[in-house]
Amino acid sequence: MRFIHSGSTRRRAAFAALATSAALVLSACGGGAATEGGGEGGSGSDGDQTITFIPKQLNNPYTDVVLGGGEDGATEAGFASSEVVGPLDASASSQVSFINAETQRGTNVIVIAANDPDAVGPALEEARTAGAKIVAFDSDTNPDYRDLFVSQVNAKDVALIQLELISEQIGGEGEVAILSATANATNQNEWIKFMEEELAANPEYAKIKLVAKVYGDDDDTKSFQEAQGLLQAYPNLKGIISPTTVGIAATARYLSTSEYKGKVALTGLGLPNEMRPFVKDGTVTEFALWDPAQLGYVAAFAGKALADGDITGEVGDTFEAGELGEREIAEGGIVLVGPPTQFNAENIDDYDF
C-alpha cells in the first residue's frame, strides 16, 4: 500500500504544528496547554489517551508528510487527541522544553525524532517515570531512553542504495562528497558510517574517493551554500550524496542553474514532489526514499499498543498497524516500516508526496 498526501495536507500539518508549538511555549511560561479536544492534558484510561509527535523541526516538507501519516494513524488507532509540537531549528537540545511540557501535561505517548540521541535523554527519562510511553521514529534516541524505535528501513540498506546510485551515475570512479543534515542526527550518522565502511571494504568502489562531509543542518539556505562551497573547494568533484530531503533539494536547485549541471551527479534521499522538476530537467538522474507517511502511521499504532499494554517493546512482540498489517519488534527494539523506493524519470510521476 502507498500513502499519498497532497500539498494542502502538508500545509495544514505545518500550520497546526506552528499553532501547537506556540501554545506549548506559552504553557511553559505558566499557562495551561489545551489538547485538540480543548481539555487539559490526557488521562491514561483506555479510550482517553493522548499522543504527541515531536519532530526534529517544524516547517520541513518531509516532516509534514510523516506527521500527516501520524495524524491518520493516531485517529485510526483510537487516541482521544493528537498534537504536534517542536522547535523551528534542529539543534541538539531544542526539543527538551517540548518534552518537559508534555510530561507536565500527562501525555500518554510521546513520539520523537531525536536531533541528538543523548541530549533528549534526561527529559525522556522524566517522561517515562511519569508514565509516558516513548516511541522514537525517523531518528533514534539512545535506546535506553525509549520503548521502541520505528525505523524507515534497514539502515545499511539505505546506505548501500545511495552508494549504488552514485557509483552508477559517476561510472564507478571519482571524488564524491556527502551533504548531510545535522552533525548529531542519529539516522544520518548511521547511514554515513555504513557508506564509509562499504567504500573501504567493497572492491567495486575502490576508485571512488570520499573527499568531504558537510552539514546543512536541514536548513535550505545553509544546505544551498554548503553545496556551492563543495564545488568551489573540490573542482574535480564527480558526485554528491545528500541523505536528507532538505539537502538534496537545495543542492539540486544550485546545480540546476550552475555550470555543473550534467557534470556533477547528485543522489540521496528526496521527496518526489520536490525533486520532480530536477529529474525532468536532467539535473538529477535517480534518488531514493521510503513512503514517509507510513513512518508516522506505524509509530502511532506502536504507541497505542504500548499504552494499552499489548506490547512491552520486547523482541518478538507484535502489533497491528492498521492498513499496513502486523509488525514485529526486532533486536534493539526496532520496528521496520518497509523498503526504500528508487525514483527516476520513468516512475516519478506515479508518486505524490
Protein backbone atom coordinates (compact mmCIF):
# COMPACT_ATOMS: atom_id res chain seq x y z
CA MET A 1 0.00 0.00 0.00
CA ARG A 2 1.25 3.53 -0.79
CA PHE A 3 0.08 6.56 1.16
CA ILE A 4 -0.47 9.69 -0.92
CA HIS A 5 -0.62 13.12 0.70
CA SER A 6 -1.33 16.30 -1.19
CA GLY A 7 0.44 19.61 -0.77
CA SER A 8 -2.60 21.02 1.04
CA THR A 9 -2.29 18.24 3.64
CA ARG A 10 1.32 19.22 4.24
CA ARG A 11 0.39 22.88 4.59
CA ARG A 12 -2.34 22.05 7.11
CA ALA A 13 0.13 19.93 9.10
CA ALA A 14 2.70 22.70 9.15
CA PHE A 15 0.13 25.28 10.26
CA ALA A 16 -1.18 23.03 13.00
CA ALA A 17 2.36 22.32 14.16
CA LEU A 18 3.19 26.01 14.46
CA ALA A 19 -0.01 26.75 16.33
CA THR A 20 0.56 23.91 18.78
CA SER A 21 4.19 24.94 19.24
CA ALA A 22 3.12 28.43 20.24
CA ALA A 23 0.60 27.01 22.70
CA LEU A 24 3.23 24.90 24.42
CA VAL A 25 5.73 27.74 24.62
CA LEU A 26 3.03 29.71 26.46
CA SER A 27 2.30 26.74 28.73
CA ALA A 28 5.98 26.51 29.67
CA CYS A 29 5.66 30.11 30.86
CA GLY A 30 2.81 29.21 33.19
CA GLY A 31 -0.33 28.93 31.07
CA GLY A 32 -2.42 25.80 30.53
CA ALA A 33 -1.90 23.66 27.41
CA ALA A 34 -5.06 22.66 25.60
CA THR A 35 -5.40 19.46 23.62
CA GLU A 36 -7.14 19.32 20.25
CA GLY A 37 -10.31 18.43 22.10
CA GLY A 38 -10.00 21.58 24.21
CA GLY A 39 -9.30 19.92 27.56
CA GLU A 40 -6.24 19.81 29.75
CA GLY A 41 -3.63 17.03 29.24
CA GLY A 42 -4.76 13.44 28.73
CA SER A 43 -5.52 10.72 31.21
CA GLY A 44 -4.22 7.20 30.93
CA SER A 45 -7.56 5.42 30.69
CA ASP A 46 -8.18 3.43 27.53
CA GLY A 47 -10.12 5.49 25.01
CA ASP A 48 -8.95 8.75 26.59
CA GLN A 49 -5.28 8.53 25.68
CA THR A 50 -3.24 11.32 24.13
CA ILE A 51 -0.30 11.22 21.75
CA THR A 52 2.16 13.99 20.84
CA PHE A 53 4.62 13.99 17.95
CA ILE A 54 7.89 15.91 18.35
CA PRO A 55 9.75 16.08 15.01
CA LYS A 56 13.31 17.33 14.58
CA GLN A 57 11.96 20.67 13.46
CA LEU A 58 8.80 22.22 12.08
CA ASN A 59 8.34 23.64 8.56
CA ASN A 60 10.13 20.74 6.90
CA PRO A 61 8.26 19.25 3.88
CA TYR A 62 9.43 15.71 4.63
CA THR A 63 8.35 16.06 8.25
CA ASP A 64 4.94 17.34 7.19
CA VAL A 65 4.32 14.14 5.23
CA VAL A 66 5.48 11.98 8.16
CA LEU A 67 3.18 13.88 10.51
CA GLY A 68 0.25 13.55 8.11
CA GLY A 69 0.65 9.77 8.36
CA GLY A 70 0.99 10.05 12.12
CA GLU A 71 -2.23 12.02 12.37
CA ASP A 72 -4.06 9.38 10.32
CA GLY A 73 -2.59 6.59 12.44
CA ALA A 74 -3.47 8.31 15.73
CA THR A 75 -7.10 8.68 14.63
CA GLU A 76 -7.40 5.10 13.40
CA ALA A 77 -5.63 3.68 16.46
CA GLY A 78 -8.17 5.35 18.75
CA PHE A 79 -6.30 8.14 20.53
CA ALA A 80 -8.57 10.78 22.06
CA SER A 81 -6.33 13.54 20.70
CA SER A 82 -3.05 14.04 18.89
CA GLU A 83 -0.70 17.01 18.92
CA VAL A 84 2.36 18.16 17.02
CA VAL A 85 4.93 20.33 18.81
CA GLY A 86 8.56 21.06 18.18
CA PRO A 87 11.34 23.54 17.52
CA LEU A 88 11.92 25.65 14.43
CA ASP A 89 15.60 24.69 14.45
CA ALA A 90 17.21 21.26 14.64
CA SER A 91 19.78 21.95 17.36
CA ALA A 92 20.74 19.23 19.83
CA SER A 93 18.80 20.50 22.84
CA SER A 94 15.94 22.32 21.12
CA GLN A 95 13.41 19.53 21.81
CA VAL A 96 13.95 19.34 25.58
CA SER A 97 11.47 22.06 26.59
CA PHE A 98 8.75 20.42 24.49
CA ILE A 99 9.33 17.03 26.12
CA ASN A 100 9.15 18.65 29.55
CA ALA A 101 5.87 20.35 28.67
CA GLU A 102 4.35 17.02 27.56
CA THR A 103 5.46 15.40 30.81
CA GLN A 104 3.71 18.15 32.78
CA ARG A 105 0.54 17.66 30.71
CA GLY A 106 0.47 13.94 31.39
CA THR A 107 0.66 12.95 27.72
CA ASN A 108 0.40 9.17 27.36
CA VAL A 109 2.59 8.66 24.29
CA ILE A 110 5.44 10.83 23.04
CA VAL A 111 6.72 10.11 19.53
CA ILE A 112 10.05 11.82 18.85
CA ALA A 113 12.60 12.12 16.05
CA ALA A 114 15.72 12.97 18.03
CA ASN A 115 18.05 15.73 16.92
CA ASP A 116 20.66 14.29 19.27
CA PRO A 117 20.49 10.76 20.74
CA ASP A 118 21.63 11.82 24.21
CA ALA A 119 20.63 15.47 24.67
CA VAL A 120 16.96 14.48 24.99
CA GLY A 121 17.74 11.63 27.39
CA PRO A 122 17.13 13.15 30.84
CA ALA A 123 13.86 14.76 29.70
CA LEU A 124 12.62 11.48 28.23
CA GLU A 125 13.59 9.63 31.41
CA GLU A 126 11.40 12.03 33.39
CA ALA A 127 8.54 11.50 30.96
CA ARG A 128 8.80 7.72 31.30
CA THR A 129 8.94 7.97 35.09
CA ALA A 130 5.72 9.98 34.89
CA GLY A 131 4.10 7.15 32.91
CA ALA A 132 4.54 8.15 29.27
CA LYS A 133 5.46 5.63 26.59
CA ILE A 134 8.26 6.81 24.30
CA VAL A 135 8.40 5.90 20.63
CA ALA A 136 11.35 7.17 18.62
CA PHE A 137 10.86 7.44 14.87
CA ASP A 138 12.92 8.58 11.90
CA SER A 139 15.98 9.40 14.08
CA ASP A 140 16.62 7.29 17.16
CA THR A 141 17.41 8.29 20.70
CA ASN A 142 19.85 6.36 22.82
CA PRO A 143 17.93 3.04 23.20
CA ASP A 144 17.92 3.48 26.98
CA TYR A 145 15.56 6.44 26.64
CA ARG A 146 12.72 4.94 24.58
CA ASP A 147 10.44 1.90 24.40
CA LEU A 148 10.61 1.40 20.62
CA PHE A 149 12.26 2.84 17.53
CA VAL A 150 10.21 2.87 14.32
CA SER A 151 12.79 2.92 11.55
CA GLN A 152 12.17 3.77 7.92
CA VAL A 153 14.09 0.77 6.63
CA ASN A 154 17.19 -1.22 7.44
CA ALA A 155 19.87 1.44 7.89
CA LYS A 156 22.51 -0.45 5.94
CA ASP A 157 20.15 -0.90 3.00
CA VAL A 158 19.61 2.86 2.86
CA ALA A 159 23.36 3.46 2.80
CA LEU A 160 24.04 0.82 0.16
CA ILE A 161 21.33 2.05 -2.20
CA GLN A 162 22.77 5.55 -2.16
CA LEU A 163 26.26 4.25 -2.87
CA GLU A 164 24.99 2.08 -5.71
CA LEU A 165 23.21 5.06 -7.27
CA ILE A 166 26.18 7.42 -7.08
CA SER A 167 28.55 4.75 -8.40
CA GLU A 168 26.31 4.13 -11.40
CA GLN A 169 26.00 7.84 -12.10
CA ILE A 170 29.74 8.62 -12.00
CA GLY A 171 30.89 5.49 -13.80
CA GLY A 172 32.37 3.85 -10.71
CA GLU A 173 35.21 6.29 -10.12
CA GLY A 174 35.97 9.80 -8.94
CA GLU A 175 35.66 12.12 -5.97
CA VAL A 176 32.37 12.30 -4.07
CA ALA A 177 31.12 14.26 -1.06
CA ILE A 178 28.28 13.89 1.43
CA LEU A 179 25.98 16.80 2.32
CA SER A 180 24.19 15.69 5.48
CA ALA A 181 21.66 17.24 7.88
CA THR A 182 22.93 17.93 11.41
CA ALA A 183 26.20 16.57 12.75
CA ASN A 184 24.41 14.78 15.60
CA ALA A 185 21.47 13.23 13.69
CA THR A 186 21.41 9.53 14.56
CA ASN A 187 19.98 8.29 11.28
CA GLN A 188 22.30 10.41 9.12
CA ASN A 189 25.39 9.31 11.02
CA GLU A 190 24.44 5.65 10.86
CA TRP A 191 23.93 5.81 7.09
CA ILE A 192 27.22 7.66 6.63
CA LYS A 193 29.04 5.09 8.77
CA PHE A 194 27.77 2.24 6.59
CA MET A 195 28.71 4.16 3.43
CA GLU A 196 32.26 4.70 4.68
CA GLU A 197 32.59 1.05 5.67
CA GLU A 198 31.32 -0.12 2.28
CA LEU A 199 33.60 2.25 0.40
CA ALA A 200 36.57 0.86 2.34
CA ALA A 201 35.65 -2.82 2.03
CA ASN A 202 33.97 -3.27 -1.37
CA PRO A 203 36.37 -3.60 -4.34
CA GLU A 204 33.63 -2.27 -6.63
CA TYR A 205 34.11 1.13 -5.00
CA ALA A 206 37.91 1.13 -4.93
CA LYS A 207 38.10 4.02 -7.39
CA ILE A 208 35.60 6.20 -5.53
CA LYS A 209 37.08 8.62 -3.01
CA LEU A 210 35.02 10.33 -0.32
CA VAL A 211 36.68 13.75 0.00
CA ALA A 212 34.31 15.66 2.29
CA LYS A 213 31.35 15.52 4.67
CA VAL A 214 29.48 18.77 5.26
CA TYR A 215 26.32 19.65 7.18
CA GLY A 216 23.44 21.84 6.06
CA ASP A 217 21.54 21.43 9.37
CA ASP A 218 18.36 20.66 7.40
CA ASP A 219 18.21 24.35 6.57
CA ASP A 220 17.56 25.20 2.92
CA THR A 221 19.80 28.25 2.75
CA LYS A 222 22.72 26.66 4.57
CA SER A 223 22.43 23.46 2.51
CA PHE A 224 22.47 25.52 -0.70
CA GLN A 225 25.60 27.35 0.49
CA GLU A 226 27.31 24.10 1.54
CA ALA A 227 26.66 22.62 -1.92
CA GLN A 228 28.13 25.71 -3.54
CA GLY A 229 31.13 25.50 -1.22
CA LEU A 230 31.78 21.86 -2.10
CA LEU A 231 32.01 22.63 -5.81
CA GLN A 232 34.37 25.52 -5.17
CA ALA A 233 36.59 23.56 -2.78
CA TYR A 234 36.75 20.37 -4.89
CA PRO A 235 36.97 21.24 -8.59
CA ASN A 236 37.28 17.54 -9.52
CA LEU A 237 34.16 16.51 -7.63
CA LYS A 238 32.13 13.98 -9.61
CA GLY A 239 29.15 13.45 -7.31
CA ILE A 240 27.28 14.47 -4.16
CA ILE A 241 25.24 12.21 -1.87
CA SER A 242 22.70 14.06 0.25
CA PRO A 243 20.81 11.68 2.58
CA THR A 244 18.38 14.41 3.64
CA THR A 245 15.37 15.74 1.77
CA VAL A 246 16.21 19.36 2.53
CA GLY A 247 19.83 18.92 1.46
CA ILE A 248 19.17 17.11 -1.80
CA ALA A 249 16.53 19.64 -2.90
CA ALA A 250 18.77 22.61 -2.09
CA THR A 251 21.73 21.01 -3.85
CA ALA A 252 19.62 20.22 -6.90
CA ARG A 253 18.46 23.82 -7.05
CA TYR A 254 22.05 25.03 -7.01
CA LEU A 255 23.24 22.54 -9.63
CA SER A 256 20.28 23.20 -11.95
CA THR A 257 21.39 26.77 -12.70
CA SER A 258 25.15 26.26 -12.46
CA GLU A 259 27.89 25.22 -14.85
CA TYR A 260 27.99 21.87 -13.04
CA LYS A 261 24.57 20.72 -14.25
CA GLY A 262 25.03 17.41 -16.08
CA LYS A 263 28.65 17.22 -14.94
CA VAL A 264 28.27 16.58 -11.21
CA ALA A 265 25.90 13.79 -10.21
CA LEU A 266 23.53 14.14 -7.28
CA THR A 267 21.65 11.43 -5.42
CA GLY A 268 20.42 10.73 -1.91
CA LEU A 269 17.04 10.79 -0.18
CA GLY A 270 14.37 13.13 -1.56
CA LEU A 271 10.66 13.78 -1.86
CA PRO A 272 9.29 13.05 -5.34
CA ASN A 273 7.22 16.25 -5.44
CA GLU A 274 10.25 18.39 -4.61
CA MET A 275 12.66 16.54 -6.89
CA ARG A 276 10.37 16.12 -9.92
CA PRO A 277 11.48 19.30 -11.76
CA PHE A 278 15.15 18.43 -11.28
CA VAL A 279 14.64 14.92 -12.62
CA LYS A 280 12.75 16.26 -15.62
CA ASP A 281 15.37 18.91 -16.44
CA GLY A 282 18.24 16.44 -16.18
CA THR A 283 19.86 17.78 -13.01
CA VAL A 284 19.18 14.51 -11.14
CA THR A 285 19.05 11.02 -12.64
CA GLU A 286 17.84 8.90 -9.74
CA PHE A 287 17.36 9.11 -5.97
CA ALA A 288 15.61 7.10 -3.25
CA LEU A 289 13.21 7.31 -0.31
CA TRP A 290 10.59 5.30 1.56
CA ASP A 291 6.98 6.47 1.94
CA PRO A 292 7.33 8.97 4.82
CA ALA A 293 3.63 8.86 5.74
CA GLN A 294 3.94 5.19 6.66
CA LEU A 295 6.61 6.07 9.24
CA GLY A 296 4.24 8.29 11.23
CA TYR A 297 1.35 5.88 10.72
CA VAL A 298 3.18 2.87 12.17
CA ALA A 299 4.62 4.96 15.03
CA ALA A 300 1.10 5.94 16.13
CA PHE A 301 -0.08 2.32 16.24
CA ALA A 302 3.09 1.30 18.09
CA GLY A 303 2.40 3.98 20.69
CA LYS A 304 -1.18 2.78 21.16
CA ALA A 305 -0.08 -0.84 21.58
CA LEU A 306 2.41 0.26 24.24
CA ALA A 307 -0.12 2.47 26.03
CA ASP A 308 -2.70 -0.33 26.04
CA GLY A 309 -0.19 -2.83 27.41
CA ASP A 310 -0.50 -5.08 24.36
CA ILE A 311 3.29 -4.96 23.89
CA THR A 312 6.22 -4.04 26.11
CA GLY A 313 8.88 -3.48 23.48
CA GLU A 314 10.40 -6.93 23.82
CA VAL A 315 11.91 -8.67 20.80
CA GLY A 316 9.24 -10.77 19.11
CA ASP A 317 6.30 -8.67 20.32
CA THR A 318 3.80 -7.99 17.53
CA PHE A 319 1.09 -5.39 16.99
CA GLU A 320 -1.36 -4.46 14.26
CA ALA A 321 -0.57 -1.26 12.35
CA GLY A 322 -3.93 -0.63 10.73
CA GLU A 323 -3.93 -1.00 6.96
CA LEU A 324 -0.21 -1.81 6.99
CA GLY A 325 -0.80 -5.03 8.90
CA GLU A 326 1.16 -6.80 11.61
CA ARG A 327 4.56 -5.51 12.70
CA GLU A 328 7.15 -7.37 14.75
CA ILE A 329 9.71 -5.89 17.10
CA ALA A 330 13.24 -6.86 16.12
CA GLU A 331 16.54 -6.84 18.02
CA GLY A 332 17.23 -3.50 19.65
CA GLY A 333 13.54 -2.65 19.98
CA ILE A 334 13.32 -1.71 16.31
CA VAL A 335 10.26 -1.85 14.06
CA LEU A 336 10.93 -1.60 10.32
CA VAL A 337 8.41 0.10 8.05
CA GLY A 338 9.41 -1.01 4.58
CA PRO A 339 11.99 -0.98 1.79
CA PRO A 340 13.03 2.25 0.02
CA THR A 341 11.88 3.10 -3.48
CA GLN A 342 14.13 4.44 -6.25
CA PHE A 343 12.74 7.37 -8.23
CA ASN A 344 13.69 8.34 -11.78
CA ALA A 345 12.13 9.85 -14.89
CA GLU A 346 10.19 6.66 -15.61
CA ASN A 347 8.29 6.41 -12.32
CA ILE A 348 8.41 9.77 -10.51
CA ASP A 349 5.01 10.86 -11.82
CA ASP A 350 3.46 7.81 -10.14
CA TYR A 351 4.07 9.33 -6.68
CA ASP A 352 2.52 12.32 -4.94
CA PHE A 353 4.25 13.16 -1.66
